[in-house]
Protein backbone atom coordinates (compact mmCIF):
# COMPACT_ATOMS: atom_id res chain seq x y z
CA MET A 1 131.26 98.04 100.09
CA GLN A 2 130.01 100.31 97.45
CA ALA A 3 129.17 98.41 94.22
CA GLN A 4 131.24 100.04 91.38
CA ASN A 5 130.11 98.18 88.40
CA LEU A 6 126.53 97.08 86.98
CA ASP A 7 126.88 93.23 87.37
CA ALA A 8 128.14 93.86 91.16
CA LEU A 9 125.08 96.17 91.72
CA LEU A 10 122.44 93.93 90.31
CA ALA A 11 124.01 90.93 92.55
CA GLN A 12 123.94 93.19 95.53
CA MET A 13 120.30 94.23 94.96
CA TRP A 14 119.26 90.62 94.60
CA LYS A 15 121.22 89.67 97.67
CA ASP A 16 119.59 92.27 99.91
CA TYR A 17 116.19 91.91 98.39
CA SER A 18 116.08 88.07 98.62
CA HIS A 19 117.43 88.08 102.19
CA MET A 20 114.87 90.79 103.33
CA ASN A 21 112.06 88.76 102.02
CA PRO A 22 111.83 85.06 103.01
CA GLN A 23 109.09 84.07 100.37
CA VAL A 24 111.57 85.12 97.61
CA ARG A 25 114.19 82.68 98.61
CA LYS A 26 111.79 79.81 99.13
CA ILE A 27 110.26 80.25 95.60
CA TYR A 28 113.58 80.67 93.92
CA ASN A 29 115.23 77.89 95.68
CA SER A 30 111.94 75.85 94.84
CA LEU A 31 112.42 76.40 91.06
CA LEU A 32 116.03 75.72 91.10
CA GLU A 33 115.37 72.43 92.77
CA GLN A 34 113.16 71.58 89.69
CA GLU A 35 116.43 72.24 87.55
CA ASP A 36 114.81 75.42 86.30
CA LYS A 37 116.99 78.39 85.25
CA VAL A 38 115.21 81.51 86.64
CA ILE A 39 115.73 84.69 84.49
CA ASN A 40 114.67 87.99 85.89
CA ASP A 41 112.22 89.80 83.60
CA HIS A 42 112.57 93.20 85.49
CA ILE A 43 113.40 94.98 88.67
CA ALA A 44 111.15 97.66 90.06
CA LEU A 45 112.24 100.57 92.02
CA ARG A 46 110.25 103.45 93.84
CA THR A 47 111.14 106.96 94.52
CA TYR A 48 109.64 110.48 94.71
CA ASN A 49 109.69 113.03 91.89
CA ASP A 50 111.92 115.38 93.99
CA PRO A 51 115.10 116.35 92.04
CA ARG A 52 117.49 114.97 94.60
CA VAL A 53 115.94 111.53 94.13
CA ASN A 54 113.83 111.20 90.99
CA ILE A 55 113.96 108.79 88.15
CA GLU A 56 116.78 110.94 86.42
CA VAL A 57 118.91 110.18 89.53
CA LEU A 58 118.14 106.70 89.96
CA LYS A 59 118.70 105.67 86.15
CA LYS A 60 122.23 106.88 86.30
CA PRO A 61 123.95 103.46 87.12
CA PHE A 62 121.97 101.80 84.50
CA ILE A 63 122.49 104.26 81.61
CA GLU A 64 126.32 104.02 82.41
CA GLY A 65 125.85 100.29 82.16
CA GLY A 66 124.37 100.31 78.74
CA TYR A 67 120.56 100.61 79.35
CA LYS A 68 118.35 102.80 77.10
CA GLU A 69 115.05 104.59 77.97
CA LYS A 70 112.15 102.81 76.33
CA GLY A 71 108.60 103.39 77.59
CA GLU A 72 107.06 105.96 79.87
CA TYR A 73 103.73 105.28 82.01
CA GLU A 74 101.25 107.48 83.84
CA PHE A 75 99.20 106.07 86.83
CA LYS A 76 96.55 108.84 87.36
CA ALA A 77 94.64 107.39 90.35
CA LYS A 78 98.00 106.67 92.37
CA LYS A 79 99.52 109.78 91.30
CA LEU A 80 102.53 108.09 89.84
CA TYR A 81 104.94 108.61 86.66
CA ALA A 82 107.26 105.67 85.41
CA LYS A 83 109.90 104.83 82.90
CA HIS A 84 111.49 101.53 81.95
CA PHE A 85 114.81 100.83 80.60
CA GLU A 86 116.26 98.01 78.47
CA HIS A 87 119.70 96.62 77.88
CA LEU A 88 120.95 95.46 74.64
CA ASP A 89 121.50 91.96 76.11
CA PRO A 90 117.89 90.65 76.04
CA LEU A 91 118.50 88.47 79.29
CA MET A 92 119.59 91.51 81.42
CA PRO A 93 116.51 92.51 83.47
CA LYS A 94 114.50 95.55 82.43
CA ILE A 95 114.62 98.32 84.95
CA PHE A 96 111.10 99.89 85.92
CA ILE A 97 111.42 103.07 87.92
CA SER A 98 108.40 104.85 89.31
CA GLU A 99 108.00 108.14 91.07
CA LEU A 100 105.23 109.78 93.25
CA LYS A 101 104.12 112.90 91.74
CA LEU A 102 104.48 115.13 95.02
CA GLU A 103 102.69 118.09 93.52
CA GLU A 104 99.41 116.12 93.40
CA PHE A 105 99.42 115.75 97.13
CA SER A 106 98.82 117.79 100.12
CA PRO A 107 101.04 120.38 101.80
CA ALA A 108 101.53 118.03 104.86
CA LEU A 109 102.60 115.15 102.77
CA ASN A 110 104.97 117.31 100.87
CA GLN A 111 106.35 118.72 103.91
CA THR A 112 106.98 115.34 105.48
CA VAL A 113 108.73 114.00 102.29
CA ARG A 114 111.02 117.02 102.13
CA GLU A 115 111.99 116.66 105.93
CA LEU A 116 112.90 113.07 105.21
CA LEU A 117 114.92 113.83 102.03
CA ASP A 118 116.65 116.67 104.03
CA GLN A 119 118.15 114.21 106.08
CA ILE A 120 120.05 112.36 103.19
CA PRO A 121 123.73 113.06 103.72
CA GLU A 122 125.37 115.42 101.15
CA GLY A 123 126.59 113.54 98.16
CA MET A 124 124.97 110.28 99.08
CA ASN A 125 122.55 110.47 96.09
CA GLU A 126 125.60 110.38 93.72
CA ARG A 127 126.90 107.11 95.01
CA TYR A 128 126.78 104.41 92.22
CA ASP A 129 124.82 102.03 94.60
CA PHE A 130 122.41 104.76 95.81
CA VAL A 131 119.44 102.72 94.40
CA ASN A 132 120.10 100.00 96.76
CA ILE A 133 121.11 102.19 99.90
CA GLY A 134 118.06 101.50 101.79
CA ARG A 135 116.25 104.07 104.09
CA PRO A 136 118.70 106.93 104.67
CA TRP A 137 116.70 108.95 106.95
CA LYS A 138 115.13 108.54 110.56
CA LEU A 139 111.48 107.79 110.55
CA ASP A 140 108.86 107.26 113.43
CA TYR A 141 106.03 104.90 113.10
CA SER A 142 103.19 107.61 113.47
CA THR A 143 104.79 109.64 110.74
CA TYR A 144 104.71 106.38 108.55
CA LEU A 145 100.99 105.84 109.23
CA LYS A 146 100.25 109.52 108.35
CA LEU A 147 101.75 109.12 104.99
CA LEU A 148 99.92 105.84 104.36
CA GLU A 149 96.58 107.51 105.13
CA GLU A 150 97.24 109.76 101.87
CA SER A 151 99.22 107.22 99.86
CA GLU A 152 100.24 103.58 100.35
CA TYR A 153 103.27 104.23 97.96
CA ALA A 154 104.40 107.31 100.14
CA GLY A 155 104.31 105.34 103.26
CA TRP A 156 106.15 102.34 101.70
CA MET A 157 108.80 104.59 100.36
CA ALA A 158 109.26 106.48 103.71
CA ALA A 159 109.85 103.08 105.47
CA HIS A 160 112.03 101.27 103.21
CA GLY A 161 113.89 103.71 101.22
CA PHE A 162 115.87 103.08 98.20
CA ARG A 163 115.81 99.27 97.30
CA PRO A 164 114.11 96.97 94.75
CA ASN A 165 110.34 96.93 95.33
CA HIS A 166 110.30 93.59 93.40
CA PHE A 167 112.22 91.11 90.91
CA THR A 168 110.22 89.25 88.47
CA VAL A 169 110.34 85.64 87.18
CA PHE A 170 110.43 85.58 83.44
CA VAL A 171 108.09 82.66 83.10
CA ASN A 172 108.68 82.23 79.43
CA HIS A 173 112.18 80.82 80.40
CA LEU A 174 111.10 78.08 83.02
CA LYS A 175 111.39 74.55 81.87
CA SER A 176 108.92 73.04 84.37
CA ILE A 177 106.13 75.69 84.07
CA HIS A 178 104.64 76.97 80.64
CA SER A 179 102.02 79.39 81.57
CA LEU A 180 101.15 82.08 84.08
CA ILE A 181 98.15 80.08 85.29
CA GLY A 182 100.66 77.05 85.97
CA MET A 183 102.99 79.71 87.81
CA ASN A 184 100.24 80.80 90.13
CA ASP A 185 99.05 77.23 90.82
CA TYR A 186 102.71 76.39 91.74
CA ILE A 187 102.98 79.51 94.08
CA LYS A 188 99.76 78.49 95.92
CA ARG A 189 100.91 74.99 96.19
CA LEU A 190 103.95 76.51 98.08
CA ASP A 191 101.22 78.17 100.29
CA PHE A 192 101.83 81.78 99.35
CA LYS A 193 99.13 84.23 98.64
CA LEU A 194 98.73 86.08 95.44
CA ASN A 195 97.66 89.62 94.87
CA THR A 196 94.06 89.29 93.61
CA SER A 197 93.42 92.98 92.80
CA GLY A 198 92.13 93.01 89.34
CA GLY A 199 92.25 89.05 89.26
CA GLU A 200 95.16 86.93 89.89
CA ILE A 201 96.41 87.48 86.36
CA LYS A 202 96.67 91.11 85.18
CA GLY A 203 96.66 91.60 81.48
CA SER A 204 96.27 89.04 78.75
CA LYS A 205 97.45 87.80 75.34
CA ASP A 206 95.70 90.64 73.86
CA VAL A 207 98.04 93.12 75.31
CA LEU A 208 101.03 90.83 74.94
CA LEU A 209 101.78 90.71 78.53
CA GLU A 210 100.39 88.72 81.66
CA GLN A 211 101.51 89.55 85.20
CA SER A 212 101.01 88.29 88.73
CA SER A 213 102.49 88.54 91.94
CA THR A 214 102.56 87.44 95.68
CA LEU A 215 101.48 89.78 98.41
CA ALA A 216 104.35 91.37 100.16
CA ASP A 217 106.24 89.64 102.82
CA THR A 218 105.67 91.39 106.21
CA VAL A 219 108.87 92.16 108.00
CA GLU A 220 109.97 93.85 111.11
CA VAL A 221 111.22 97.43 110.53
CA GLU A 222 113.06 99.53 112.84
CA PHE A 223 111.49 102.85 113.50
CA THR A 224 112.80 105.62 115.92
CA ASP A 225 110.10 104.55 118.35
CA GLY A 226 110.46 100.73 117.99
CA LYS A 227 110.07 97.86 115.65
CA HIS A 228 106.79 97.39 113.64
CA ALA A 229 105.72 94.71 111.22
CA ILE A 230 104.92 96.12 107.86
CA PRO A 231 104.63 95.07 104.26
CA ALA A 232 108.08 94.86 102.57
CA CYS A 233 108.59 93.52 98.94
CA TYR A 234 106.95 91.05 96.87
CA TYR A 235 107.88 88.44 93.90
CA GLU A 236 106.39 89.18 90.52
CA PHE A 237 105.84 86.72 87.47
CA ALA A 238 105.53 87.65 84.02
CA TYR A 239 104.72 85.92 80.69
CA ARG A 240 105.38 87.64 77.49
CA TYR A 241 103.82 87.02 74.14
CA PRO A 242 105.37 87.83 70.67
CA THR A 243 104.38 90.93 68.70
CA GLU A 244 103.59 90.76 64.93
CA GLU A 245 107.26 90.97 64.15
CA GLY A 246 107.74 87.63 66.25
CA LYS A 247 109.82 89.29 69.00
CA LEU A 248 108.50 88.91 72.50
CA TYR A 249 106.84 92.34 73.68
CA SER A 250 109.06 94.11 76.13
CA GLY A 251 107.09 96.90 77.42
CA PHE A 252 104.64 97.14 80.13
CA VAL A 253 100.95 97.58 80.54
CA ALA A 254 99.92 100.61 82.76
CA GLN A 255 96.37 99.04 83.66
CA SER A 256 98.15 95.87 84.89
CA ALA A 257 100.98 97.46 86.69
CA ASP A 258 98.54 99.64 88.52
CA LYS A 259 97.09 96.62 90.25
CA ILE A 260 100.52 95.19 90.89
CA PHE A 261 101.34 98.11 92.89
CA GLU A 262 98.96 97.04 95.36
CA SER A 263 100.89 94.11 96.51
CA THR A 264 102.44 96.12 99.09
CA ASN A 265 99.23 97.66 100.45
CA ARG A 266 98.60 97.14 104.13
CA GLY A 267 95.05 96.07 103.51
CA GLN A 268 96.32 93.14 101.60
């Protein structure tokens, strides 16, 4: 059923994301067993900068639900652009949407992406729940591998489509864990691997934000030529520090996010 309001959409996004990624359920349930209240800091979405599916398209249900545009970010090495959105209610998750800058890639990659997007049924991108529709095109495994050679991001997007790339535990709100170091130690005790690109902790108190993440779950994905095991989604953890005004910093740090993106890389 198509979600018709923001709360229902966010609930469905969490349900699908946590069902697809077993590590998420285990970590989340483990925190609940410690009587922790797990607040979600932000949800991240990926897309291409084609006007049919770009940030302007994906932001619509959130804007309608009371979100406002806040920050914008450039990732030159990965050829990405991103924006983040915040709700007036500070306990509502921030929304972080990135898009691949297709004009900076080869004609072959652009042609492949156009052929995928051309398969989207007319009007589907106007659905309220389009951000969580999954993969609305057919894809063979060899095409996925070719995209990966040029961009891990492009390959992930082609394989998984429109869905949360990750949710994020807001560590500040946990009762049993009081730092990102403590969070990372907890994750390792649960026997999950962390993304170590740029260090286990990306960011610092100096930039008012620390982030870490698991490596993406490997899941079986259906391609036109059979099932293959590939990286899916990951779980992120964020600890925020207060600004000079005394309010917790609510933005993102591009240098840190750049390394977090690598949680879905096949090489990891």
